[in-house]
N, C-alpha and C. Protein backbone atom coordinates (compact mmCIF):
# COMPACT_ATOMS: atom_id res chain seq x y z
N MET A 1 -63.89 34.69 16.63
CA MET A 1 -64.22 33.73 15.61
C MET A 1 -63.59 31.90 15.77
N THR A 2 -64.60 31.20 15.48
CA THR A 2 -64.41 30.36 15.91
C THR A 2 -63.56 29.39 14.18
N MET A 3 -62.17 28.61 14.48
CA MET A 3 -61.44 28.49 13.62
C MET A 3 -62.39 27.30 12.56
N THR A 4 -63.29 26.90 12.80
CA THR A 4 -64.01 26.54 11.66
C THR A 4 -64.92 27.28 11.17
N THR A 5 -64.97 28.61 11.53
CA THR A 5 -65.37 30.05 10.44
C THR A 5 -63.93 30.18 9.75
N LEU A 6 -63.56 29.93 10.72
CA LEU A 6 -61.90 30.64 9.78
C LEU A 6 -61.62 30.12 8.86
N ALA A 7 -61.48 29.31 8.57
CA ALA A 7 -60.92 28.00 7.97
C ALA A 7 -61.84 27.73 6.42
N ALA A 8 -63.39 28.85 6.43
CA ALA A 8 -63.51 28.78 5.50
C ALA A 8 -64.69 29.70 4.70
N THR A 9 -63.78 30.33 5.90
CA THR A 9 -63.32 32.21 5.13
C THR A 9 -62.57 31.97 3.76
N LEU A 10 -63.11 32.45 2.49
CA LEU A 10 -62.53 32.28 1.94
C LEU A 10 -62.44 33.88 0.67
N PHE A 11 -63.41 34.15 0.24
CA PHE A 11 -63.87 35.16 -1.16
C PHE A 11 -64.39 36.52 -0.08
N THR A 12 -64.78 36.20 0.85
CA THR A 12 -65.52 37.33 1.59
C THR A 12 -64.32 37.71 2.32
N VAL A 13 -63.89 38.76 2.29
CA VAL A 13 -63.09 40.15 3.75
C VAL A 13 -64.18 39.77 5.15
N VAL A 14 -63.11 39.55 5.85
CA VAL A 14 -63.63 39.23 7.58
C VAL A 14 -63.60 41.12 8.49
N GLU A 15 -64.10 41.61 8.34
CA GLU A 15 -64.22 42.96 8.98
C GLU A 15 -63.43 42.82 10.69
N LEU A 16 -62.77 43.80 10.87
CA LEU A 16 -61.58 43.80 11.95
C LEU A 16 -63.15 43.74 13.17
N PRO A 17 -62.95 43.43 14.47
CA PRO A 17 -63.30 42.35 15.10
C PRO A 17 -63.58 43.97 16.79
N TYR A 18 -62.83 45.59 16.22
CA TYR A 18 -62.89 46.22 17.13
C TYR A 18 -62.83 47.27 15.90
N ALA A 19 -63.45 48.40 16.69
CA ALA A 19 -62.87 50.26 15.78
C ALA A 19 -61.78 49.78 15.37
N TYR A 20 -61.28 51.06 14.70
CA TYR A 20 -59.84 50.75 13.40
C TYR A 20 -58.87 51.49 15.08
N ASP A 21 -59.31 52.22 15.49
CA ASP A 21 -58.22 53.02 17.25
C ASP A 21 -58.54 52.71 18.04
N ALA A 22 -59.18 51.07 18.15
CA ALA A 22 -59.51 50.11 19.20
C ALA A 22 -57.87 50.43 19.61
N LEU A 23 -57.14 49.56 18.60
CA LEU A 23 -55.40 48.61 19.71
C LEU A 23 -54.70 50.33 19.79
N GLU A 24 -55.03 51.38 19.68
CA GLU A 24 -53.91 52.47 19.75
C GLU A 24 -53.90 52.75 21.56
N PRO A 25 -52.56 53.36 21.70
CA PRO A 25 -51.27 53.77 20.65
C PRO A 25 -50.88 53.16 20.64
N TYR A 26 -50.64 51.69 20.54
CA TYR A 26 -49.77 50.28 20.20
C TYR A 26 -50.07 50.55 18.65
N ILE A 27 -50.86 50.58 18.01
CA ILE A 27 -51.13 49.94 16.90
C ILE A 27 -52.43 51.11 15.92
N SER A 28 -51.76 52.12 15.57
CA SER A 28 -53.03 53.46 15.77
C SER A 28 -54.30 52.78 14.17
N ALA A 29 -55.08 53.88 14.45
CA ALA A 29 -56.21 53.56 13.29
C ALA A 29 -55.48 53.43 11.78
N GLU A 30 -54.50 54.45 11.26
CA GLU A 30 -54.54 54.75 10.18
C GLU A 30 -53.76 53.39 9.69
N THR A 31 -52.49 52.39 10.45
CA THR A 31 -52.04 51.29 9.67
C THR A 31 -53.27 50.12 9.83
N LEU A 32 -54.22 50.38 10.93
CA LEU A 32 -55.24 49.42 10.88
C LEU A 32 -55.87 49.05 8.98
N HIS A 33 -56.67 50.38 9.11
CA HIS A 33 -57.49 50.98 7.97
C HIS A 33 -55.70 49.85 6.29
N PHE A 34 -54.83 50.10 6.66
CA PHE A 34 -54.00 49.68 5.29
C PHE A 34 -53.81 48.43 5.77
N HIS A 35 -53.25 47.84 6.55
CA HIS A 35 -53.27 46.66 6.66
C HIS A 35 -54.29 45.61 6.59
N HIS A 36 -55.90 45.79 6.86
CA HIS A 36 -56.72 45.40 6.53
C HIS A 36 -57.29 45.75 5.77
N ASP A 37 -57.45 46.99 4.87
CA ASP A 37 -58.41 47.27 3.89
C ASP A 37 -58.15 47.05 2.86
N MET A 38 -55.94 47.09 2.47
CA MET A 38 -55.57 46.85 1.48
C MET A 38 -55.05 45.60 1.49
N HIS A 39 -53.88 45.71 2.08
CA HIS A 39 -53.44 44.72 2.07
C HIS A 39 -54.09 43.13 1.88
N TYR A 40 -54.91 42.57 3.80
CA TYR A 40 -55.47 41.54 3.67
C TYR A 40 -56.92 41.69 2.38
N ALA A 41 -57.01 43.32 2.61
CA ALA A 41 -58.73 42.46 1.53
C ALA A 41 -58.19 42.19 0.02
N GLY A 42 -56.76 42.60 -0.01
CA GLY A 42 -56.03 42.55 -1.61
C GLY A 42 -55.53 41.46 -1.46
N TYR A 43 -55.29 40.02 -0.66
CA TYR A 43 -54.91 39.23 -0.94
C TYR A 43 -56.04 38.27 -0.71
N VAL A 44 -57.19 38.36 -0.03
CA VAL A 44 -58.07 38.26 -0.36
C VAL A 44 -58.78 38.22 -2.08
N ALA A 45 -58.99 39.78 -2.61
CA ALA A 45 -59.39 39.62 -3.84
C ALA A 45 -58.54 39.10 -4.50
N LYS A 46 -56.72 38.79 -4.70
CA LYS A 46 -56.15 37.89 -5.52
C LYS A 46 -56.60 36.46 -5.08
N LEU A 47 -56.49 35.93 -4.61
CA LEU A 47 -57.04 34.36 -4.14
C LEU A 47 -58.29 34.25 -4.90
N GLU A 48 -59.61 34.63 -5.54
CA GLU A 48 -60.76 34.56 -5.88
C GLU A 48 -60.34 34.77 -7.05
N GLU A 49 -59.18 35.57 -7.62
CA GLU A 49 -58.95 36.04 -9.15
C GLU A 49 -58.21 34.59 -9.50
N LEU A 50 -57.36 33.84 -8.67
CA LEU A 50 -56.95 32.95 -8.77
C LEU A 50 -57.12 31.84 -8.79
N VAL A 51 -57.85 31.51 -8.02
CA VAL A 51 -58.55 29.95 -8.04
C VAL A 51 -59.75 29.75 -9.06
N GLU A 52 -60.04 31.08 -9.74
CA GLU A 52 -61.30 30.60 -10.79
C GLU A 52 -61.16 29.68 -11.85
N GLY A 53 -62.05 28.71 -11.12
CA GLY A 53 -62.42 27.27 -12.34
C GLY A 53 -61.05 26.94 -12.57
N THR A 54 -60.97 26.73 -11.19
CA THR A 54 -59.76 25.44 -10.72
C THR A 54 -60.59 24.73 -9.34
N ARG A 55 -60.07 23.64 -9.33
CA ARG A 55 -59.98 22.65 -8.46
C ARG A 55 -60.48 23.54 -7.24
N TYR A 56 -59.46 24.95 -7.07
CA TYR A 56 -58.96 25.65 -5.55
C TYR A 56 -60.72 26.15 -5.52
N ALA A 57 -61.06 26.17 -5.73
CA ALA A 57 -62.71 27.57 -5.97
C ALA A 57 -63.96 26.70 -5.04
N THR A 58 -63.43 25.37 -4.67
CA THR A 58 -64.33 25.02 -3.70
C THR A 58 -64.20 24.44 -2.63
N MET A 59 -62.30 24.95 -2.21
CA MET A 59 -62.54 24.17 -1.02
C MET A 59 -62.05 25.77 0.02
N THR A 60 -61.94 24.73 1.16
CA THR A 60 -61.86 26.07 2.53
C THR A 60 -59.85 26.85 2.15
N LEU A 61 -60.23 27.96 2.99
CA LEU A 61 -58.62 28.25 2.76
C LEU A 61 -57.55 27.54 3.57
N GLU A 62 -57.73 26.30 4.42
CA GLU A 62 -57.04 25.64 5.07
C GLU A 62 -57.10 24.68 4.16
N GLU A 63 -57.95 23.92 3.36
CA GLU A 63 -57.52 23.21 2.52
C GLU A 63 -56.38 23.53 1.48
N ILE A 64 -56.94 24.53 0.39
CA ILE A 64 -55.80 25.13 -0.29
C ILE A 64 -54.64 25.45 -0.13
N ILE A 65 -54.42 25.63 1.60
CA ILE A 65 -53.32 25.95 2.35
C ILE A 65 -52.24 24.57 1.92
N ARG A 66 -53.25 23.87 2.01
CA ARG A 66 -52.13 21.99 2.67
C ARG A 66 -52.13 21.50 0.94
N GLU A 67 -52.72 22.37 -0.55
CA GLU A 67 -52.60 20.87 -0.95
C GLU A 67 -51.91 22.85 -2.36
N SER A 68 -51.97 23.60 -1.91
CA SER A 68 -51.32 24.43 -3.12
C SER A 68 -49.84 25.14 -3.08
N ASP A 69 -49.42 25.67 -3.76
CA ASP A 69 -48.36 26.21 -4.10
C ASP A 69 -47.98 27.90 -4.62
N GLY A 70 -46.87 27.73 -4.44
CA GLY A 70 -46.82 29.51 -5.37
C GLY A 70 -47.76 31.09 -4.96
N ALA A 71 -48.16 30.87 -6.05
CA ALA A 71 -49.57 32.04 -6.06
C ALA A 71 -50.55 32.42 -5.14
N ILE A 72 -51.04 30.98 -5.13
CA ILE A 72 -52.32 30.00 -4.72
C ILE A 72 -52.39 30.43 -3.05
N PHE A 73 -51.44 29.14 -2.93
CA PHE A 73 -50.90 28.99 -1.98
C PHE A 73 -50.77 30.30 -1.01
N ASN A 74 -49.53 31.78 -1.85
CA ASN A 74 -49.36 32.75 -0.43
C ASN A 74 -50.26 33.45 -0.31
N ASN A 75 -51.33 33.74 -1.24
CA ASN A 75 -52.86 34.62 -1.10
C ASN A 75 -53.00 33.99 -0.78
N ALA A 76 -53.46 32.61 -0.76
CA ALA A 76 -54.59 31.43 1.00
C ALA A 76 -53.88 32.06 2.29
N ALA A 77 -52.63 31.52 2.30
CA ALA A 77 -52.55 31.70 3.53
C ALA A 77 -51.72 32.97 3.93
N GLN A 78 -51.48 34.13 3.54
CA GLN A 78 -51.59 34.79 4.21
C GLN A 78 -53.39 35.69 4.07
N ALA A 79 -54.37 35.40 3.33
CA ALA A 79 -55.85 35.57 4.10
C ALA A 79 -56.46 35.44 5.02
N TRP A 80 -55.35 33.57 5.40
CA TRP A 80 -56.03 33.34 6.13
C TRP A 80 -55.20 33.84 7.80
N ASN A 81 -54.15 33.81 7.59
CA ASN A 81 -53.12 34.33 8.56
C ASN A 81 -53.19 35.97 9.25
N HIS A 82 -54.11 36.55 8.19
CA HIS A 82 -54.37 37.84 8.56
C HIS A 82 -55.66 37.96 9.85
N VAL A 83 -56.93 37.26 8.98
CA VAL A 83 -57.79 37.29 10.10
C VAL A 83 -57.41 36.63 11.60
N PHE A 84 -56.62 35.55 11.42
CA PHE A 84 -56.18 34.99 12.53
C PHE A 84 -55.05 36.05 13.12
N TYR A 85 -54.35 36.93 13.01
CA TYR A 85 -54.44 37.47 13.38
C TYR A 85 -54.67 38.69 14.08
N PHE A 86 -55.63 39.46 13.84
CA PHE A 86 -56.23 40.23 13.99
C PHE A 86 -57.30 40.03 14.59
N GLU A 87 -57.90 38.65 14.88
CA GLU A 87 -58.70 38.39 16.24
C GLU A 87 -57.92 37.83 17.29
N GLN A 88 -56.87 38.54 17.61
CA GLN A 88 -56.26 38.10 18.75
C GLN A 88 -55.26 38.78 18.97
N LEU A 89 -56.10 39.52 19.23
CA LEU A 89 -55.29 41.32 20.02
C LEU A 89 -56.87 42.09 20.00
N SER A 90 -56.50 42.91 21.11
CA SER A 90 -57.05 43.77 21.94
C SER A 90 -56.78 44.49 23.15
N ARG A 91 -57.13 45.44 23.57
CA ARG A 91 -56.42 46.13 24.81
C ARG A 91 -57.50 45.88 26.12
N HIS A 92 -58.58 45.65 25.60
CA HIS A 92 -59.55 44.89 27.80
C HIS A 92 -59.06 43.50 27.73
N GLY A 93 -58.76 42.22 26.75
CA GLY A 93 -59.05 41.00 27.37
C GLY A 93 -57.59 40.66 28.16
N SER A 94 -58.02 39.94 28.21
CA SER A 94 -56.82 39.37 29.88
C SER A 94 -55.52 39.39 28.71
N HIS A 95 -55.01 40.05 29.74
CA HIS A 95 -52.92 39.97 29.18
C HIS A 95 -51.86 38.93 29.69
N HIS A 96 -52.37 38.05 30.65
CA HIS A 96 -51.21 36.82 30.82
C HIS A 96 -52.27 35.87 31.14
N PRO A 97 -51.57 34.33 30.45
CA PRO A 97 -52.38 33.21 30.48
C PRO A 97 -52.57 32.35 31.20
N GLU A 98 -53.79 31.66 31.27
CA GLU A 98 -54.19 30.91 32.97
C GLU A 98 -54.18 29.68 32.36
N GLY A 99 -54.55 29.29 33.26
CA GLY A 99 -55.30 27.63 33.23
C GLY A 99 -54.28 25.88 32.72
N HIS A 100 -55.22 25.35 31.20
CA HIS A 100 -54.03 25.05 30.97
C HIS A 100 -52.79 25.44 29.87
N LEU A 101 -52.96 26.19 29.17
CA LEU A 101 -52.15 26.60 28.61
C LEU A 101 -51.37 27.46 29.28
N LEU A 102 -50.83 27.75 31.06
CA LEU A 102 -49.50 29.09 31.61
C LEU A 102 -48.65 27.21 31.84
N ARG A 103 -49.20 26.56 32.37
CA ARG A 103 -49.54 25.28 32.57
C ARG A 103 -48.14 24.32 31.45
N ALA A 104 -49.27 24.46 30.49
CA ALA A 104 -47.98 23.85 29.17
C ALA A 104 -46.25 24.78 28.96
N ILE A 105 -46.87 26.54 28.61
CA ILE A 105 -46.34 27.34 28.79
C ILE A 105 -44.78 27.24 29.94
N ASP A 106 -45.42 26.85 30.95
CA ASP A 106 -43.68 27.09 31.89
C ASP A 106 -43.57 25.88 31.60
N GLU A 107 -44.60 24.46 30.98
CA GLU A 107 -42.99 23.19 31.02
C GLU A 107 -42.55 23.54 30.05
N THR A 108 -42.64 23.64 28.84
CA THR A 108 -42.55 23.99 27.41
C THR A 108 -41.13 25.34 28.00
N PHE A 109 -41.61 26.29 28.15
CA PHE A 109 -40.46 27.70 28.23
C PHE A 109 -39.98 28.19 29.50
N GLY A 110 -40.22 27.37 31.17
CA GLY A 110 -39.81 28.04 31.92
C GLY A 110 -41.22 28.89 32.75
N SER A 111 -41.27 29.62 31.41
CA SER A 111 -42.46 31.20 32.20
C SER A 111 -42.85 31.65 30.88
N VAL A 112 -43.82 32.37 30.79
CA VAL A 112 -44.71 33.47 30.11
C VAL A 112 -43.35 33.41 29.51
N ASP A 113 -42.43 34.74 30.31
CA ASP A 113 -41.07 35.29 30.35
C ASP A 113 -40.34 35.47 28.93
N GLU A 114 -39.71 34.02 29.52
CA GLU A 114 -39.17 33.01 28.32
C GLU A 114 -39.32 32.87 27.11
N LEU A 115 -40.83 32.86 27.23
CA LEU A 115 -41.69 31.99 25.59
C LEU A 115 -42.05 33.40 25.40
N ARG A 116 -42.13 34.40 25.64
CA ARG A 116 -41.92 35.91 25.16
C ARG A 116 -41.02 36.66 24.88
N ARG A 117 -39.70 36.49 25.33
CA ARG A 117 -38.52 36.85 25.32
C ARG A 117 -38.11 35.70 23.74
N ARG A 118 -38.52 34.26 23.66
CA ARG A 118 -38.15 33.77 22.28
C ARG A 118 -38.70 33.87 20.64
N MET A 119 -40.14 34.48 21.39
CA MET A 119 -41.42 34.91 20.01
C MET A 119 -40.17 36.24 19.58
N THR A 120 -39.92 37.13 21.03
CA THR A 120 -39.82 38.72 20.43
C THR A 120 -37.99 38.10 19.66
N THR A 121 -36.86 37.87 19.65
CA THR A 121 -35.73 36.95 19.79
C THR A 121 -36.03 37.24 18.18
N SER A 122 -36.97 35.74 17.58
CA SER A 122 -37.62 35.33 16.96
C SER A 122 -38.34 36.31 15.74
N ALA A 123 -38.70 37.46 16.04
CA ALA A 123 -39.43 38.01 15.86
C ALA A 123 -38.80 39.07 14.59
N THR A 124 -37.64 39.28 16.61
CA THR A 124 -36.89 40.70 15.42
C THR A 124 -35.45 40.41 14.28
N SER A 125 -35.28 38.55 14.71
CA SER A 125 -33.96 38.98 13.97
C SER A 125 -34.44 37.65 12.66
N LEU A 126 -35.76 37.51 12.55
CA LEU A 126 -36.20 36.90 11.06
C LEU A 126 -36.07 38.01 9.93
N PHE A 127 -35.22 37.20 9.09
CA PHE A 127 -34.73 38.49 7.60
C PHE A 127 -35.70 38.51 6.95
N GLY A 128 -36.00 40.08 6.73
CA GLY A 128 -37.39 39.71 5.27
C GLY A 128 -38.89 39.95 6.41
N SER A 129 -39.92 39.83 5.52
CA SER A 129 -40.59 39.18 6.21
C SER A 129 -41.19 38.48 6.94
N GLY A 130 -42.60 37.93 7.30
CA GLY A 130 -42.90 36.17 7.90
C GLY A 130 -43.52 35.74 8.55
N TRP A 131 -43.49 35.74 9.44
CA TRP A 131 -44.64 35.48 11.08
C TRP A 131 -43.64 34.45 11.78
N VAL A 132 -43.77 34.62 12.89
CA VAL A 132 -43.06 34.37 14.50
C VAL A 132 -44.96 33.09 14.87
N TRP A 133 -45.08 32.01 15.21
CA TRP A 133 -46.40 31.94 15.66
C TRP A 133 -45.89 30.98 16.90
N LEU A 134 -46.26 31.01 17.79
CA LEU A 134 -46.75 29.92 19.22
C LEU A 134 -47.81 28.92 18.70
N ALA A 135 -47.63 26.93 18.21
CA ALA A 135 -48.38 26.24 17.96
C ALA A 135 -48.39 25.74 18.56
N SER A 136 -49.06 23.98 19.10
CA SER A 136 -49.12 22.79 19.20
C SER A 136 -49.53 21.91 19.03
N ASP A 137 -48.79 20.76 18.91
CA ASP A 137 -49.47 19.48 18.79
C ASP A 137 -50.64 19.15 19.29
N TYR A 138 -51.53 17.50 18.51
CA TYR A 138 -53.14 17.48 19.04
C TYR A 138 -53.20 16.75 20.81
N ASP A 139 -51.34 16.71 21.17
CA ASP A 139 -51.67 16.43 22.82
C ASP A 139 -50.81 17.21 23.38
N GLY A 140 -50.72 18.28 22.46
CA GLY A 140 -50.77 19.44 23.58
C GLY A 140 -49.21 20.55 23.80
N ARG A 141 -48.57 19.89 23.21
CA ARG A 141 -47.54 20.50 23.21
C ARG A 141 -46.91 21.47 22.98
N LEU A 142 -46.05 22.54 23.12
CA LEU A 142 -46.07 24.10 22.07
C LEU A 142 -44.84 23.53 22.10
N TYR A 143 -44.92 24.59 20.67
CA TYR A 143 -43.71 24.84 19.43
C TYR A 143 -43.71 26.45 19.43
N ILE A 144 -42.55 26.84 18.90
CA ILE A 144 -42.12 28.14 17.99
C ILE A 144 -41.84 28.13 17.03
N ILE A 145 -42.32 28.62 16.25
CA ILE A 145 -42.16 28.78 15.16
C ILE A 145 -42.06 29.71 14.09
N THR A 146 -40.67 29.79 13.41
CA THR A 146 -40.79 31.05 12.27
C THR A 146 -40.77 30.31 10.81
N LYS A 147 -42.14 31.51 10.19
CA LYS A 147 -42.18 31.43 8.45
C LYS A 147 -41.50 32.31 7.99
N PRO A 148 -40.70 32.61 7.27
CA PRO A 148 -40.60 33.67 6.35
C PRO A 148 -41.66 34.09 4.76
N ASN A 149 -42.33 35.11 5.05
CA ASN A 149 -43.29 34.88 3.28
C ASN A 149 -44.55 34.47 4.02
N ALA A 150 -45.03 34.26 3.62
CA ALA A 150 -47.12 33.82 3.94
C ALA A 150 -46.93 32.12 5.40
N GLY A 151 -45.20 31.98 5.69
CA GLY A 151 -45.90 30.53 6.10
C GLY A 151 -46.73 30.55 7.09
N THR A 152 -47.02 29.21 7.38
CA THR A 152 -47.99 28.78 8.68
C THR A 152 -47.38 27.64 9.16
N PRO A 153 -47.84 27.07 10.68
CA PRO A 153 -47.99 26.05 11.25
C PRO A 153 -48.89 25.13 10.58
N LEU A 154 -49.74 24.72 10.17
CA LEU A 154 -50.57 24.77 9.23
C LEU A 154 -50.33 23.48 8.18
N ASN A 155 -49.06 23.52 7.69
CA ASN A 155 -48.34 22.14 6.68
C ASN A 155 -47.32 22.19 7.67
N ASP A 156 -47.38 22.36 9.27
CA ASP A 156 -46.90 21.20 9.95
C ASP A 156 -47.79 20.66 10.09
N SER A 157 -48.27 20.31 9.88
CA SER A 157 -49.78 19.50 11.11
C SER A 157 -49.39 20.03 12.56
N LEU A 158 -49.71 21.10 12.88
CA LEU A 158 -50.24 21.91 13.65
C LEU A 158 -51.05 23.08 13.81
N VAL A 159 -51.40 22.80 15.19
CA VAL A 159 -52.87 24.47 15.20
C VAL A 159 -52.47 25.44 15.52
N PRO A 160 -51.78 26.24 14.59
CA PRO A 160 -52.04 27.98 15.50
C PRO A 160 -52.39 28.53 16.52
N LEU A 161 -51.52 28.94 17.67
CA LEU A 161 -52.32 29.56 18.66
C LEU A 161 -52.02 30.97 18.39
N MET A 162 -51.07 31.63 17.99
CA MET A 162 -50.80 33.09 18.01
C MET A 162 -49.46 33.12 17.01
N CYS A 163 -49.83 34.81 16.44
CA CYS A 163 -49.07 35.00 15.58
C CYS A 163 -48.60 35.99 15.92
N ILE A 164 -46.87 36.89 15.75
CA ILE A 164 -46.65 38.49 15.53
C ILE A 164 -46.04 38.03 13.53
N ASP A 165 -46.90 39.38 13.42
CA ASP A 165 -47.06 39.16 11.91
C ASP A 165 -45.55 40.64 11.70
N VAL A 166 -44.53 40.26 11.42
CA VAL A 166 -43.24 40.66 10.51
C VAL A 166 -42.75 42.01 9.93
N TRP A 167 -44.36 41.51 8.55
CA TRP A 167 -44.63 41.93 7.41
C TRP A 167 -44.64 44.02 7.75
N GLU A 168 -43.81 44.37 7.10
CA GLU A 168 -43.29 45.62 7.39
C GLU A 168 -44.28 46.53 7.24
N HIS A 169 -45.82 46.11 6.32
CA HIS A 169 -46.95 46.88 6.26
C HIS A 169 -47.63 46.61 7.82
N ALA A 170 -46.96 45.65 8.73
CA ALA A 170 -47.84 45.67 10.19
C ALA A 170 -47.19 45.96 11.08
N TYR A 171 -46.68 47.28 10.81
CA TYR A 171 -45.43 47.78 11.31
C TYR A 171 -45.02 49.27 11.39
N TYR A 172 -44.78 49.36 9.50
CA TYR A 172 -44.43 50.73 9.76
C TYR A 172 -44.16 51.46 9.19
N LEU A 173 -45.31 52.48 9.15
CA LEU A 173 -46.32 53.67 9.26
C LEU A 173 -46.48 53.98 10.94
N ASP A 174 -46.13 53.67 12.13
CA ASP A 174 -46.22 53.50 13.01
C ASP A 174 -44.55 53.09 14.49
N TYR A 175 -43.42 52.38 13.34
CA TYR A 175 -42.63 51.96 14.46
C TYR A 175 -41.26 52.36 13.51
N ARG A 176 -41.54 52.45 12.26
CA ARG A 176 -40.48 52.89 10.92
C ARG A 176 -40.27 51.30 10.72
N ASN A 177 -38.59 51.59 11.08
CA ASN A 177 -37.58 50.31 11.32
C ASN A 177 -37.65 49.78 12.31
N GLN A 178 -38.28 50.70 13.62
CA GLN A 178 -38.41 50.03 14.81
C GLN A 178 -38.43 48.59 15.01
N ARG A 179 -38.54 47.58 14.42
CA ARG A 179 -39.48 46.42 14.43
C ARG A 179 -39.16 46.08 15.99
N LYS A 180 -38.95 45.77 16.52
CA LYS A 180 -38.31 45.08 17.83
C LYS A 180 -39.65 46.40 18.80
N GLN A 181 -39.60 47.34 18.85
CA GLN A 181 -40.50 48.45 19.56
C GLN A 181 -41.73 47.31 19.58
N SER A 182 -41.81 47.62 17.64
CA SER A 182 -43.36 47.27 17.73
C SER A 182 -43.74 45.76 17.93
N VAL A 183 -42.37 44.42 18.73
CA VAL A 183 -42.55 43.11 18.68
C VAL A 183 -43.19 43.70 20.45
N GLU A 184 -42.35 44.52 20.96
CA GLU A 184 -42.71 44.26 22.62
C GLU A 184 -43.96 45.77 22.76
N ASP A 185 -44.47 45.92 22.20
CA ASP A 185 -45.62 46.89 22.23
C ASP A 185 -46.77 45.60 22.00
N PHE A 186 -46.32 44.17 20.65
CA PHE A 186 -48.07 43.25 20.44
C PHE A 186 -47.98 42.82 21.65
N TRP A 187 -46.68 42.76 22.56
CA TRP A 187 -47.38 41.75 23.67
C TRP A 187 -48.37 42.26 24.80
N LYS A 188 -48.43 43.86 24.60
CA LYS A 188 -49.33 44.77 25.56
C LYS A 188 -51.41 44.71 25.02
N ILE A 189 -51.19 43.61 23.51
CA ILE A 189 -52.31 43.92 22.97
C ILE A 189 -52.59 42.73 22.82
N ILE A 190 -51.91 41.66 22.99
CA ILE A 190 -51.91 39.74 23.25
C ILE A 190 -53.25 39.96 23.85
N ASP A 191 -54.33 39.37 23.62
CA ASP A 191 -55.55 38.68 24.26
C ASP A 191 -55.47 37.10 24.33
N TRP A 192 -55.04 36.94 25.69
CA TRP A 192 -54.93 35.20 26.17
C TRP A 192 -55.78 35.41 26.23
N ASP A 193 -56.64 35.10 26.29
CA ASP A 193 -58.37 34.45 25.99
C ASP A 193 -58.72 33.97 24.91
N VAL A 194 -58.14 34.73 23.93
CA VAL A 194 -58.21 34.13 22.23
C VAL A 194 -57.21 33.19 22.62
N VAL A 195 -56.20 33.27 23.04
CA VAL A 195 -55.21 32.10 22.86
C VAL A 195 -55.42 30.90 23.82
N GLU A 196 -56.01 31.12 24.39
CA GLU A 196 -56.39 29.86 25.81
C GLU A 196 -57.68 28.97 25.34
N GLU A 197 -58.43 29.54 24.04
CA GLU A 197 -59.88 29.47 24.00
C GLU A 197 -59.10 28.25 22.61
N ARG A 198 -57.86 28.95 21.83
CA ARG A 198 -57.75 28.28 20.35
C ARG A 198 -56.63 27.01 20.92
N TYR A 199 -56.40 26.55 22.05
CA TYR A 199 -55.68 25.91 22.84
C TYR A 199 -55.81 24.13 23.22
N ARG A 200 -57.57 25.32 24.08
CA ARG A 200 -58.03 24.10 24.59
C ARG A 200 -58.82 23.71 23.06
N ALA A 201 -59.10 23.95 22.55
CA ALA A 201 -59.18 23.57 20.75
C ALA A 201 -59.01 22.82 20.39
N ALA A 202 -58.02 22.69 20.07
CA ALA A 202 -56.91 22.30 20.36
C ALA A 202 -55.90 20.53 20.82
N THR A 203 -56.73 20.48 22.17
CA THR A 203 -56.58 19.70 22.79
C THR A 203 -58.10 19.26 23.20
N ARG A 204 -59.00 19.21 22.77
CA ARG A 204 -60.08 18.38 22.79
C ARG A 204 -59.98 16.87 22.75
């Protein structure tokens, strides 16, 4: 899914780009059913209810995220965040960044291993629920952004490239309270081809 398509997605639940069991053993089919069909779909349904008859009803998700607060922001951001999250995962994608993205990672963090270490530390130390993001500015500089609850780098004038979902519903059925293990396994299913394409789009 392109960023343009994702930004326009509002009241339609976007289907997973793979089967429910496609990410096993790292994310189970049961977790994906709950995560996608109940939590994500619930945010979409609640957002539709909240914006009906308001000025937000004709906006894209990105516009709503940038201009709203409270419950409308929370549900819009969570709807956007989840599509973005699901689209970056694959058992069969590239398992290592390449090209311009790899050079930017090496310049900013020293190595891919150091990027992974820093994001993992941010994800395991975040109190409560939220998201850890790899984002860039339009000049290609990279940042690790930690956001509680529904937070997104879109509100920081940055372009999201990758995210780790550390809400309990993303991992608890499979890992119980072992958040660190769930984050370590996340790196085994991130599709760096998707992240690279997002980076190219951000810096064109």
